[in-house]
Each structure stands twice: as C-alpha cells, then as structure tokens.
Amino acid sequence: MRAAMICLTLLATLTACARDQPVARPEVTPTPSAQITEQPRESDAEGTSSEEELTLADGRRVAMSYKRGQGLFERHYAPDTGTWTRPRLIYGTKTDPCQSIKLQAESGTVTAIANFGRYCADGEPPTESIAAVAVGDLDRWDHHLTRKFDGWARATITDGGRKVTFVRNATHVRVRLVWTATDGFSDAVFTYSR
C-alpha cells in the first residue's frame, strides 16, 4: 500500500510538471569585443597597478607605469613612426606601488612623481618617493629617491625647461628638490618652521 501511494505521488508530480510551459529565456546578443588601438598597454597584461599617459605639444606621448615587484617603467610614442618604445626601467624596487603617477610637461621637459611603500595603495604613507625628469628625445631620465617621505606634491618647470623644482609643504616643514639641465638633481632641502 505504501509503495502504491509513493507511485501515485510520483505519477501526479510528473503529470503536473509535464503540463508546465517551458520558461522563456531572453535572447542574448553578443557584445562586440573592445578594439585594440595602436598597441595594447603592456601594463594590462603584466600586473601593473597604474599607468599614466601624457601628450606633449609636438604630438609625442609618454606613458609611465608601475610593475609590481619591479618598479617604475617608462615608454614613449613617436607620431612620425607611429610606434611606442619598449618599457624601460626608470627606478627599480620590489616595494608596493602607490596609487598614481603624476606626469607633466612644459618647454620640452617632462616630469614624473611616483611613490612606493608597503600598503601605500591602501593609504599608508610612501617610503620611497621618486622625482624624475627627461628632456629632448626622452631616451634618458634622471631620477632622485627620497626615503621615508610623504611624496612630492608638485613640480614646477621654469627657465625654458632647464629647471624643475619639486616641492612638498606640510605642517611645520617645507621640502624642496631642484633639478637643472646642467647639474641634475640637488639634495632635498628640508626647511622647518614653528
């Protein structure tokens, strides 16, 4: 008797299910894949946390990126050939990169500000602050490392691109770093006030 009841229950369930209409499924239209323009960013495939790009007045472009466990890399684009250079190491470190890179250009001089530090991308202060400068064909970059420092706030390019001043103003301290085309980087100068 019990077996007969189970059979009837199963039969009633199957019959009820057979009468249900199939669930309509929405049609899916495939979306076109993104088109690759000029050249894929090296950073996308190599675990880079950030890449910044700047277009110069003459149409050249400069891109800087962090590569985790390697450091700060630069590459530039020449409009006359339509090609990018291979990424070149500007500053090597295994320290974690911070959130962004600041690029600017004036009078043919390009500057970069980049920072590294453990948990820096999460808001911790950097422990390695880089100021970098390039002129002309951008094949040579001068850089300066300042350790255990909150990072450069801005760079000012003067004297027709022959002088760059990096600064950081904080409570009771002003820090200044100067680069010139003839002498390169000076030492960072810390000025304290009360």
N, C-alpha and C. Protein backbone atom coordinates (compact mmCIF):
# COMPACT_ATOMS: atom_id res chain seq x y z
N MET A 1 0.81 -1.18 0.00
CA MET A 1 0.00 0.00 0.00
C MET A 1 0.86 1.26 0.00
N ARG A 2 1.87 1.23 0.83
CA ARG A 2 2.75 2.39 0.91
C ARG A 2 3.46 2.60 -0.42
N ALA A 3 3.92 1.55 -1.08
CA ALA A 3 4.59 1.65 -2.37
C ALA A 3 3.65 2.21 -3.41
N ALA A 4 2.37 1.82 -3.34
CA ALA A 4 1.38 2.33 -4.29
C ALA A 4 1.17 3.82 -4.10
N MET A 5 1.17 4.30 -2.85
CA MET A 5 1.00 5.72 -2.55
C MET A 5 2.17 6.54 -3.11
N ILE A 6 3.38 6.01 -2.96
CA ILE A 6 4.57 6.71 -3.46
C ILE A 6 4.51 6.79 -4.98
N CYS A 7 4.09 5.68 -5.63
CA CYS A 7 3.98 5.67 -7.09
C CYS A 7 2.95 6.68 -7.57
N LEU A 8 1.80 6.75 -6.87
CA LEU A 8 0.78 7.71 -7.26
C LEU A 8 1.26 9.16 -7.09
N THR A 9 1.99 9.42 -6.00
CA THR A 9 2.52 10.75 -5.76
C THR A 9 3.50 11.14 -6.86
N LEU A 10 4.40 10.22 -7.22
CA LEU A 10 5.37 10.48 -8.30
C LEU A 10 4.66 10.70 -9.63
N LEU A 11 3.64 9.88 -9.91
CA LEU A 11 2.89 9.99 -11.15
C LEU A 11 2.17 11.34 -11.22
N ALA A 12 1.60 11.78 -10.10
CA ALA A 12 0.89 13.07 -10.07
C ALA A 12 1.88 14.22 -10.27
N THR A 13 3.06 14.12 -9.69
CA THR A 13 4.08 15.15 -9.83
C THR A 13 4.56 15.24 -11.27
N LEU A 14 4.82 14.08 -11.90
CA LEU A 14 5.29 14.06 -13.28
C LEU A 14 4.24 14.63 -14.22
N THR A 15 3.00 14.28 -13.97
CA THR A 15 1.91 14.78 -14.81
C THR A 15 1.79 16.29 -14.69
N ALA A 16 1.90 16.81 -13.46
CA ALA A 16 1.80 18.26 -13.24
C ALA A 16 2.96 18.98 -13.90
N CYS A 17 4.14 18.42 -13.83
CA CYS A 17 5.33 19.04 -14.43
C CYS A 17 5.24 19.03 -15.95
N ALA A 18 4.66 18.00 -16.51
CA ALA A 18 4.56 17.89 -17.96
C ALA A 18 3.65 18.98 -18.52
N ARG A 19 2.67 19.45 -17.75
CA ARG A 19 1.76 20.48 -18.23
C ARG A 19 2.35 21.89 -18.14
N ASP A 20 3.42 22.10 -17.33
CA ASP A 20 4.05 23.43 -17.21
C ASP A 20 4.70 23.82 -18.52
N GLN A 21 4.57 25.08 -18.86
CA GLN A 21 5.21 25.61 -20.07
C GLN A 21 6.69 25.86 -19.79
N PRO A 22 7.52 25.68 -20.78
CA PRO A 22 8.94 25.95 -20.55
C PRO A 22 9.15 27.45 -20.27
N VAL A 23 10.16 27.71 -19.47
CA VAL A 23 10.49 29.08 -19.10
C VAL A 23 11.14 29.76 -20.29
N ALA A 24 10.61 30.93 -20.65
CA ALA A 24 11.19 31.68 -21.77
C ALA A 24 12.52 32.29 -21.34
N ARG A 25 13.52 32.11 -22.14
CA ARG A 25 14.83 32.67 -21.83
C ARG A 25 15.08 33.85 -22.76
N PRO A 26 15.60 34.94 -22.23
CA PRO A 26 15.86 36.09 -23.10
C PRO A 26 16.97 35.78 -24.09
N GLU A 27 16.83 36.35 -25.27
CA GLU A 27 17.88 36.15 -26.26
C GLU A 27 19.08 37.00 -25.87
N VAL A 28 20.24 36.43 -26.04
CA VAL A 28 21.48 37.13 -25.70
C VAL A 28 22.15 37.55 -26.99
N THR A 29 22.39 38.85 -27.10
CA THR A 29 23.10 39.36 -28.26
C THR A 29 24.55 39.56 -27.86
N PRO A 30 25.48 38.91 -28.55
CA PRO A 30 26.87 39.07 -28.16
C PRO A 30 27.31 40.51 -28.36
N THR A 31 28.09 41.01 -27.38
CA THR A 31 28.62 42.37 -27.49
C THR A 31 29.95 42.32 -28.21
N PRO A 32 30.21 43.31 -29.05
CA PRO A 32 31.49 43.29 -29.75
C PRO A 32 32.63 43.48 -28.77
N SER A 33 33.74 42.83 -29.03
CA SER A 33 34.89 42.97 -28.16
C SER A 33 35.53 44.32 -28.39
N ALA A 34 36.22 44.80 -27.37
CA ALA A 34 36.88 46.10 -27.48
C ALA A 34 37.96 46.05 -28.55
N GLN A 35 38.04 47.11 -29.30
CA GLN A 35 39.07 47.16 -30.34
C GLN A 35 40.37 47.62 -29.73
N ILE A 36 41.43 47.04 -30.21
CA ILE A 36 42.75 47.43 -29.74
C ILE A 36 43.22 48.59 -30.59
N THR A 37 43.61 49.68 -29.94
CA THR A 37 44.10 50.83 -30.67
C THR A 37 45.61 50.91 -30.53
N GLU A 38 46.26 51.10 -31.63
CA GLU A 38 47.70 51.24 -31.73
C GLU A 38 48.46 50.07 -31.14
N GLN A 39 48.45 49.93 -29.82
CA GLN A 39 49.21 48.87 -29.18
C GLN A 39 48.59 48.61 -27.82
N PRO A 40 48.40 47.35 -27.42
CA PRO A 40 47.84 47.12 -26.09
C PRO A 40 48.79 47.62 -25.02
N ARG A 41 48.25 48.10 -23.94
CA ARG A 41 49.09 48.56 -22.85
C ARG A 41 49.80 47.38 -22.23
N GLU A 42 51.10 47.52 -22.12
CA GLU A 42 51.90 46.47 -21.51
C GLU A 42 51.42 46.21 -20.09
N SER A 43 50.98 47.25 -19.42
CA SER A 43 50.62 47.15 -18.02
C SER A 43 49.44 46.24 -17.78
N ASP A 44 48.50 46.20 -18.73
CA ASP A 44 47.30 45.41 -18.51
C ASP A 44 47.60 43.93 -18.34
N ALA A 45 48.61 43.44 -19.04
CA ALA A 45 48.93 42.02 -19.01
C ALA A 45 49.98 41.67 -17.97
N GLU A 46 50.62 42.67 -17.40
CA GLU A 46 51.76 42.36 -16.55
C GLU A 46 51.56 42.76 -15.09
N GLY A 47 50.34 42.88 -14.63
CA GLY A 47 50.10 43.12 -13.22
C GLY A 47 50.46 44.52 -12.76
N THR A 48 50.30 45.49 -13.61
CA THR A 48 50.61 46.85 -13.24
C THR A 48 49.42 47.46 -12.52
N SER A 49 49.68 48.22 -11.48
CA SER A 49 48.59 48.80 -10.74
C SER A 49 48.14 50.12 -11.33
N SER A 50 48.98 50.80 -12.07
CA SER A 50 48.59 52.09 -12.60
C SER A 50 49.45 52.45 -13.80
N GLU A 51 48.82 53.11 -14.77
CA GLU A 51 49.59 53.67 -15.88
C GLU A 51 49.02 55.04 -16.17
N GLU A 52 49.89 56.02 -16.29
CA GLU A 52 49.50 57.38 -16.63
C GLU A 52 50.11 57.73 -17.97
N GLU A 53 49.38 58.52 -18.74
CA GLU A 53 49.86 58.91 -20.07
C GLU A 53 49.70 60.41 -20.25
N LEU A 54 50.66 61.01 -20.95
CA LEU A 54 50.67 62.45 -21.19
C LEU A 54 51.02 62.70 -22.64
N THR A 55 50.28 63.63 -23.29
CA THR A 55 50.57 64.00 -24.67
C THR A 55 51.31 65.33 -24.66
N LEU A 56 52.45 65.37 -25.35
CA LEU A 56 53.26 66.58 -25.42
C LEU A 56 52.75 67.48 -26.55
N ALA A 57 53.18 68.72 -26.54
CA ALA A 57 52.73 69.70 -27.52
C ALA A 57 53.06 69.28 -28.95
N ASP A 58 54.15 68.54 -29.15
CA ASP A 58 54.56 68.13 -30.50
C ASP A 58 53.92 66.81 -30.95
N GLY A 59 52.98 66.27 -30.16
CA GLY A 59 52.28 65.04 -30.53
C GLY A 59 52.87 63.78 -29.95
N ARG A 60 54.08 63.86 -29.39
CA ARG A 60 54.65 62.67 -28.74
C ARG A 60 53.84 62.38 -27.48
N ARG A 61 53.90 61.14 -27.04
CA ARG A 61 53.21 60.74 -25.82
C ARG A 61 54.18 60.00 -24.91
N VAL A 62 53.97 60.17 -23.62
CA VAL A 62 54.78 59.50 -22.60
C VAL A 62 53.84 58.71 -21.71
N ALA A 63 54.18 57.47 -21.42
CA ALA A 63 53.38 56.65 -20.51
C ALA A 63 54.31 56.09 -19.44
N MET A 64 53.89 56.18 -18.20
CA MET A 64 54.63 55.61 -17.08
C MET A 64 53.73 54.64 -16.35
N SER A 65 54.32 53.56 -15.89
CA SER A 65 53.53 52.55 -15.19
C SER A 65 54.33 51.90 -14.08
N TYR A 66 53.59 51.40 -13.10
CA TYR A 66 54.17 50.58 -12.03
C TYR A 66 54.05 49.13 -12.46
N LYS A 67 55.10 48.37 -12.26
CA LYS A 67 55.01 46.92 -12.42
C LYS A 67 55.36 46.33 -11.06
N ARG A 68 54.40 45.63 -10.50
CA ARG A 68 54.57 45.08 -9.16
C ARG A 68 55.82 44.23 -9.05
N GLY A 69 56.57 44.49 -8.00
CA GLY A 69 57.79 43.72 -7.76
C GLY A 69 58.96 44.10 -8.64
N GLN A 70 58.78 45.12 -9.51
CA GLN A 70 59.86 45.54 -10.40
C GLN A 70 60.19 47.02 -10.29
N GLY A 71 59.15 47.89 -10.27
CA GLY A 71 59.42 49.31 -10.14
C GLY A 71 58.66 50.18 -11.10
N LEU A 72 59.27 51.31 -11.47
CA LEU A 72 58.65 52.33 -12.32
C LEU A 72 59.22 52.22 -13.73
N PHE A 73 58.32 52.12 -14.71
CA PHE A 73 58.71 51.97 -16.11
C PHE A 73 58.17 53.11 -16.96
N GLU A 74 58.91 53.43 -18.03
CA GLU A 74 58.52 54.49 -18.97
C GLU A 74 58.57 53.96 -20.38
N ARG A 75 57.67 54.47 -21.22
CA ARG A 75 57.73 54.23 -22.66
C ARG A 75 57.15 55.47 -23.32
N HIS A 76 57.55 55.72 -24.56
CA HIS A 76 57.02 56.90 -25.25
C HIS A 76 56.70 56.58 -26.70
N TYR A 77 55.80 57.40 -27.23
CA TYR A 77 55.24 57.20 -28.56
C TYR A 77 55.74 58.30 -29.48
N ALA A 78 56.21 57.91 -30.66
CA ALA A 78 56.66 58.87 -31.67
C ALA A 78 55.62 58.95 -32.78
N PRO A 79 54.98 60.10 -32.98
CA PRO A 79 53.94 60.19 -34.00
C PRO A 79 54.48 60.01 -35.42
N ASP A 80 55.75 60.34 -35.67
CA ASP A 80 56.29 60.19 -37.02
C ASP A 80 56.44 58.73 -37.43
N THR A 81 56.71 57.85 -36.47
CA THR A 81 56.82 56.41 -36.79
C THR A 81 55.56 55.64 -36.40
N GLY A 82 54.74 56.25 -35.53
CA GLY A 82 53.51 55.58 -35.08
C GLY A 82 53.77 54.40 -34.16
N THR A 83 54.91 54.41 -33.45
CA THR A 83 55.25 53.27 -32.58
C THR A 83 55.59 53.74 -31.18
N TRP A 84 55.41 52.82 -30.24
CA TRP A 84 55.82 53.02 -28.85
C TRP A 84 57.18 52.36 -28.64
N THR A 85 57.98 52.93 -27.78
CA THR A 85 59.23 52.28 -27.37
C THR A 85 58.89 51.14 -26.42
N ARG A 86 59.83 50.25 -26.22
CA ARG A 86 59.64 49.20 -25.21
C ARG A 86 59.71 49.83 -23.82
N PRO A 87 58.97 49.30 -22.84
CA PRO A 87 59.05 49.85 -21.48
C PRO A 87 60.47 49.74 -20.94
N ARG A 88 60.94 50.86 -20.35
CA ARG A 88 62.28 50.89 -19.76
C ARG A 88 62.17 51.19 -18.28
N LEU A 89 62.99 50.53 -17.50
CA LEU A 89 63.00 50.73 -16.06
C LEU A 89 63.62 52.08 -15.72
N ILE A 90 62.87 52.90 -14.98
CA ILE A 90 63.37 54.19 -14.51
C ILE A 90 63.88 54.05 -13.09
N TYR A 91 63.13 53.31 -12.25
CA TYR A 91 63.53 53.08 -10.86
C TYR A 91 63.10 51.68 -10.46
N GLY A 92 64.04 50.88 -10.02
CA GLY A 92 63.74 49.51 -9.63
C GLY A 92 63.54 49.34 -8.15
N THR A 93 62.46 48.66 -7.77
CA THR A 93 62.17 48.35 -6.37
C THR A 93 61.17 47.20 -6.31
N LYS A 94 61.21 46.45 -5.24
CA LYS A 94 60.23 45.40 -5.01
C LYS A 94 59.10 45.90 -4.10
N THR A 95 59.23 47.14 -3.61
CA THR A 95 58.23 47.73 -2.73
C THR A 95 56.94 47.96 -3.50
N ASP A 96 55.80 47.87 -2.81
CA ASP A 96 54.48 48.06 -3.44
C ASP A 96 54.35 49.47 -4.00
N PRO A 97 53.72 49.61 -5.18
CA PRO A 97 53.49 50.94 -5.74
C PRO A 97 52.32 51.63 -5.06
N CYS A 98 52.35 52.96 -5.09
CA CYS A 98 51.22 53.74 -4.58
C CYS A 98 50.19 53.92 -5.68
N GLN A 99 49.20 54.73 -5.44
CA GLN A 99 48.03 54.77 -6.31
C GLN A 99 48.24 55.43 -7.66
N SER A 100 49.03 56.47 -7.77
CA SER A 100 49.09 57.16 -9.06
C SER A 100 50.49 57.70 -9.35
N ILE A 101 50.64 58.10 -10.59
CA ILE A 101 51.87 58.72 -11.06
C ILE A 101 51.46 60.09 -11.61
N LYS A 102 52.21 61.14 -11.27
CA LYS A 102 51.90 62.48 -11.78
C LYS A 102 52.89 62.81 -12.89
N LEU A 103 52.37 63.07 -14.08
CA LEU A 103 53.18 63.46 -15.22
C LEU A 103 52.82 64.88 -15.64
N GLN A 104 53.83 65.65 -16.06
CA GLN A 104 53.56 66.95 -16.65
C GLN A 104 54.69 67.32 -17.58
N ALA A 105 54.41 68.26 -18.49
CA ALA A 105 55.41 68.68 -19.46
C ALA A 105 55.27 70.15 -19.76
N GLU A 106 56.41 70.77 -20.01
CA GLU A 106 56.44 72.17 -20.42
C GLU A 106 57.79 72.44 -21.05
N SER A 107 57.80 73.18 -22.13
CA SER A 107 59.04 73.59 -22.81
C SER A 107 59.93 72.40 -23.15
N GLY A 108 59.34 71.27 -23.51
CA GLY A 108 60.12 70.10 -23.89
C GLY A 108 60.68 69.29 -22.73
N THR A 109 60.37 69.68 -21.51
CA THR A 109 60.81 68.96 -20.31
C THR A 109 59.63 68.21 -19.73
N VAL A 110 59.83 66.93 -19.40
CA VAL A 110 58.78 66.09 -18.82
C VAL A 110 59.18 65.72 -17.40
N THR A 111 58.23 65.81 -16.47
CA THR A 111 58.50 65.43 -15.08
C THR A 111 57.54 64.32 -14.67
N ALA A 112 57.99 63.52 -13.72
CA ALA A 112 57.16 62.45 -13.16
C ALA A 112 57.37 62.41 -11.65
N ILE A 113 56.28 62.16 -10.94
CA ILE A 113 56.32 61.95 -9.49
C ILE A 113 55.67 60.60 -9.24
N ALA A 114 56.40 59.71 -8.56
CA ALA A 114 55.90 58.37 -8.28
C ALA A 114 56.33 57.96 -6.87
N ASN A 115 55.51 57.14 -6.22
CA ASN A 115 55.79 56.74 -4.84
C ASN A 115 55.59 55.24 -4.65
N PHE A 116 56.36 54.70 -3.70
CA PHE A 116 56.27 53.29 -3.35
C PHE A 116 56.26 53.17 -1.83
N GLY A 117 55.59 52.16 -1.32
CA GLY A 117 55.57 51.91 0.11
C GLY A 117 54.66 50.74 0.42
N ARG A 118 54.96 50.04 1.49
CA ARG A 118 54.13 48.91 1.89
C ARG A 118 52.74 49.41 2.25
N TYR A 119 51.71 48.82 1.67
CA TYR A 119 50.31 49.19 1.86
C TYR A 119 50.01 50.63 1.41
N CYS A 120 50.87 51.18 0.58
CA CYS A 120 50.71 52.57 0.13
C CYS A 120 49.43 52.75 -0.67
N ALA A 121 49.08 51.80 -1.50
CA ALA A 121 47.85 51.91 -2.30
C ALA A 121 46.60 51.93 -1.41
N ASP A 122 46.74 51.46 -0.17
CA ASP A 122 45.62 51.47 0.77
C ASP A 122 45.62 52.71 1.65
N GLY A 123 46.55 53.64 1.42
CA GLY A 123 46.56 54.88 2.19
C GLY A 123 47.73 55.08 3.11
N GLU A 124 48.58 54.08 3.29
CA GLU A 124 49.75 54.27 4.13
C GLU A 124 50.73 55.21 3.42
N PRO A 125 51.53 55.97 4.16
CA PRO A 125 52.46 56.90 3.51
C PRO A 125 53.57 56.14 2.75
N PRO A 126 54.08 56.75 1.69
CA PRO A 126 55.16 56.10 0.94
C PRO A 126 56.45 56.07 1.73
N THR A 127 57.32 55.15 1.37
CA THR A 127 58.65 55.09 1.97
C THR A 127 59.73 55.37 0.93
N GLU A 128 59.34 55.38 -0.35
CA GLU A 128 60.25 55.69 -1.45
C GLU A 128 59.53 56.65 -2.39
N SER A 129 60.04 57.90 -2.48
CA SER A 129 59.42 58.91 -3.33
C SER A 129 60.38 59.25 -4.46
N ILE A 130 59.89 59.15 -5.70
CA ILE A 130 60.70 59.36 -6.88
C ILE A 130 60.31 60.65 -7.58
N ALA A 131 61.31 61.47 -7.89
CA ALA A 131 61.15 62.62 -8.76
C ALA A 131 61.97 62.29 -10.00
N ALA A 132 61.39 62.43 -11.19
CA ALA A 132 62.11 62.09 -12.42
C ALA A 132 61.92 63.18 -13.47
N VAL A 133 62.96 63.38 -14.29
CA VAL A 133 62.94 64.42 -15.33
C VAL A 133 63.59 63.88 -16.59
N ALA A 134 62.99 64.23 -17.74
CA ALA A 134 63.59 63.90 -19.05
C ALA A 134 63.42 65.09 -19.97
N VAL A 135 64.37 65.28 -20.86
CA VAL A 135 64.30 66.34 -21.86
C VAL A 135 64.62 65.75 -23.23
N GLY A 136 64.32 66.52 -24.26
CA GLY A 136 64.70 66.10 -25.61
C GLY A 136 63.96 64.87 -26.10
N ASP A 137 64.73 63.85 -26.51
CA ASP A 137 64.14 62.65 -27.11
C ASP A 137 63.56 61.66 -26.09
N LEU A 138 63.65 61.98 -24.82
CA LEU A 138 63.10 61.17 -23.71
C LEU A 138 63.79 59.82 -23.54
N ASP A 139 64.95 59.65 -24.14
CA ASP A 139 65.68 58.39 -24.01
C ASP A 139 66.47 58.31 -22.71
N ARG A 140 66.62 59.42 -22.01
CA ARG A 140 67.37 59.42 -20.75
C ARG A 140 66.55 60.13 -19.68
N TRP A 141 66.36 59.45 -18.56
CA TRP A 141 65.61 60.00 -17.42
C TRP A 141 66.54 60.12 -16.22
N ASP A 142 66.58 61.30 -15.62
CA ASP A 142 67.25 61.47 -14.33
C ASP A 142 66.20 61.23 -13.26
N HIS A 143 66.58 60.55 -12.19
CA HIS A 143 65.63 60.39 -11.09
C HIS A 143 66.33 60.58 -9.76
N HIS A 144 65.53 60.95 -8.76
CA HIS A 144 66.03 61.17 -7.41
C HIS A 144 65.11 60.42 -6.45
N LEU A 145 65.70 59.72 -5.50
CA LEU A 145 64.97 58.96 -4.49
C LEU A 145 65.05 59.69 -3.15
N THR A 146 63.90 59.92 -2.54
CA THR A 146 63.84 60.44 -1.17
C THR A 146 63.13 59.37 -0.35
N ARG A 147 63.77 58.90 0.71
CA ARG A 147 63.21 57.83 1.54
C ARG A 147 62.42 58.39 2.73
N LYS A 148 61.41 57.58 3.15
CA LYS A 148 60.59 57.87 4.33
C LYS A 148 60.07 59.30 4.28
N PHE A 149 59.34 59.58 3.24
CA PHE A 149 58.89 60.92 2.93
C PHE A 149 57.50 60.80 2.32
N ASP A 150 56.62 61.76 2.57
CA ASP A 150 55.24 61.67 2.10
C ASP A 150 55.04 61.88 0.61
N GLY A 151 56.07 62.12 -0.12
CA GLY A 151 55.97 62.25 -1.57
C GLY A 151 55.88 63.70 -2.01
N TRP A 152 56.30 63.94 -3.23
CA TRP A 152 56.29 65.29 -3.79
C TRP A 152 54.87 65.66 -4.18
N ALA A 153 54.46 66.88 -3.83
CA ALA A 153 53.11 67.35 -4.14
C ALA A 153 53.02 67.86 -5.57
N ARG A 154 54.05 68.55 -6.04
CA ARG A 154 54.00 69.11 -7.38
C ARG A 154 55.42 69.41 -7.88
N ALA A 155 55.50 69.61 -9.18
CA ALA A 155 56.75 70.02 -9.82
C ALA A 155 56.47 71.27 -10.64
N THR A 156 57.38 72.23 -10.59
CA THR A 156 57.24 73.46 -11.36
C THR A 156 58.41 73.54 -12.33
N ILE A 157 58.09 73.67 -13.62
CA ILE A 157 59.12 73.75 -14.67
C ILE A 157 59.31 75.22 -15.02
N THR A 158 60.57 75.70 -14.95
CA THR A 158 60.87 77.10 -15.25
C THR A 158 62.12 77.19 -16.11
N ASP A 159 62.51 78.43 -16.40
CA ASP A 159 63.75 78.72 -17.14
C ASP A 159 63.78 78.01 -18.50
N GLY A 160 62.63 78.04 -19.21
CA GLY A 160 62.56 77.42 -20.53
C GLY A 160 62.76 75.92 -20.51
N GLY A 161 62.39 75.27 -19.40
CA GLY A 161 62.53 73.82 -19.28
C GLY A 161 63.88 73.38 -18.74
N ARG A 162 64.73 74.33 -18.38
CA ARG A 162 66.07 73.98 -17.89
C ARG A 162 66.14 73.83 -16.36
N LYS A 163 65.01 74.12 -15.67
CA LYS A 163 64.98 73.99 -14.21
C LYS A 163 63.63 73.44 -13.77
N VAL A 164 63.65 72.49 -12.85
CA VAL A 164 62.43 71.93 -12.27
C VAL A 164 62.58 71.96 -10.75
N THR A 165 61.53 72.43 -10.08
CA THR A 165 61.52 72.45 -8.62
C THR A 165 60.37 71.57 -8.13
N PHE A 166 60.72 70.54 -7.38
CA PHE A 166 59.73 69.66 -6.75
C PHE A 166 59.54 70.15 -5.32
N VAL A 167 58.28 70.23 -4.86
CA VAL A 167 58.02 70.72 -3.51
C VAL A 167 56.99 69.87 -2.79
N ARG A 168 57.08 69.96 -1.48
CA ARG A 168 56.08 69.35 -0.58
C ARG A 168 55.97 70.26 0.63
N ASN A 169 54.78 70.80 0.86
CA ASN A 169 54.54 71.63 2.03
C ASN A 169 53.69 70.85 3.01
N ALA A 170 54.14 70.77 4.22
CA ALA A 170 53.39 70.08 5.28
C ALA A 170 53.44 70.96 6.52
N THR A 171 52.73 70.55 7.55
CA THR A 171 52.73 71.32 8.79
C THR A 171 54.15 71.42 9.33
N HIS A 172 54.62 72.62 9.47
CA HIS A 172 55.92 72.93 10.05
C HIS A 172 57.13 72.51 9.21
N VAL A 173 56.92 72.03 7.99
CA VAL A 173 58.08 71.68 7.17
C VAL A 173 57.76 71.91 5.68
N ARG A 174 58.76 72.44 5.00
CA ARG A 174 58.67 72.60 3.55
C ARG A 174 59.88 71.88 2.96
N VAL A 175 59.63 71.05 1.97
CA VAL A 175 60.71 70.28 1.36
C VAL A 175 60.81 70.70 -0.10
N ARG A 176 62.05 70.92 -0.55
CA ARG A 176 62.29 71.38 -1.90
C ARG A 176 63.43 70.58 -2.52
N LEU A 177 63.24 70.23 -3.79
CA LEU A 177 64.25 69.48 -4.55
C LEU A 177 64.35 70.14 -5.92
N VAL A 178 65.57 70.48 -6.33
CA VAL A 178 65.77 71.19 -7.59
C VAL A 178 66.56 70.33 -8.57
N TRP A 179 66.10 70.32 -9.82
CA TRP A 179 66.82 69.70 -10.93
C TRP A 179 67.14 70.78 -11.94
N THR A 180 68.38 70.80 -12.45
CA THR A 180 68.74 71.71 -13.53
C THR A 180 69.36 70.91 -14.66
N ALA A 181 69.26 71.44 -15.87
CA ALA A 181 69.80 70.75 -17.04
C ALA A 181 71.32 70.62 -16.96
N THR A 182 71.98 71.53 -16.28
CA THR A 182 73.45 71.47 -16.19
C THR A 182 73.94 70.60 -15.04
N ASP A 183 73.24 70.62 -13.89
CA ASP A 183 73.75 69.93 -12.70
C ASP A 183 72.94 68.71 -12.27
N GLY A 184 71.79 68.47 -12.88
CA GLY A 184 70.95 67.36 -12.44
C GLY A 184 70.27 67.71 -11.13
N PHE A 185 70.07 66.71 -10.28
CA PHE A 185 69.36 66.91 -9.01
C PHE A 185 70.28 67.41 -7.91
N SER A 186 69.75 68.32 -7.10
CA SER A 186 70.42 68.74 -5.87
C SER A 186 69.97 67.78 -4.78
N ASP A 187 70.42 68.00 -3.56
CA ASP A 187 69.89 67.26 -2.43
C ASP A 187 68.57 67.90 -2.02
N ALA A 188 67.69 67.14 -1.44
CA ALA A 188 66.42 67.68 -0.95
C ALA A 188 66.72 68.59 0.24
N VAL A 189 66.05 69.74 0.28
CA VAL A 189 66.25 70.71 1.36
C VAL A 189 64.98 70.76 2.20
N PHE A 190 65.12 70.47 3.49
CA PHE A 190 64.01 70.50 4.43
C PHE A 190 64.10 71.80 5.23
N THR A 191 63.04 72.63 5.19
CA THR A 191 63.00 73.89 5.94
C THR A 191 61.91 73.76 6.98
N TYR A 192 62.29 73.91 8.26
CA TYR A 192 61.34 73.75 9.36
C TYR A 192 60.91 75.10 9.90
N SER A 193 59.64 75.22 10.27
CA SER A 193 59.12 76.45 10.88
C SER A 193 58.38 76.09 12.15
N ARG A 194 58.15 77.11 12.97
CA ARG A 194 57.45 76.87 14.24
C ARG A 194 56.01 77.26 14.15
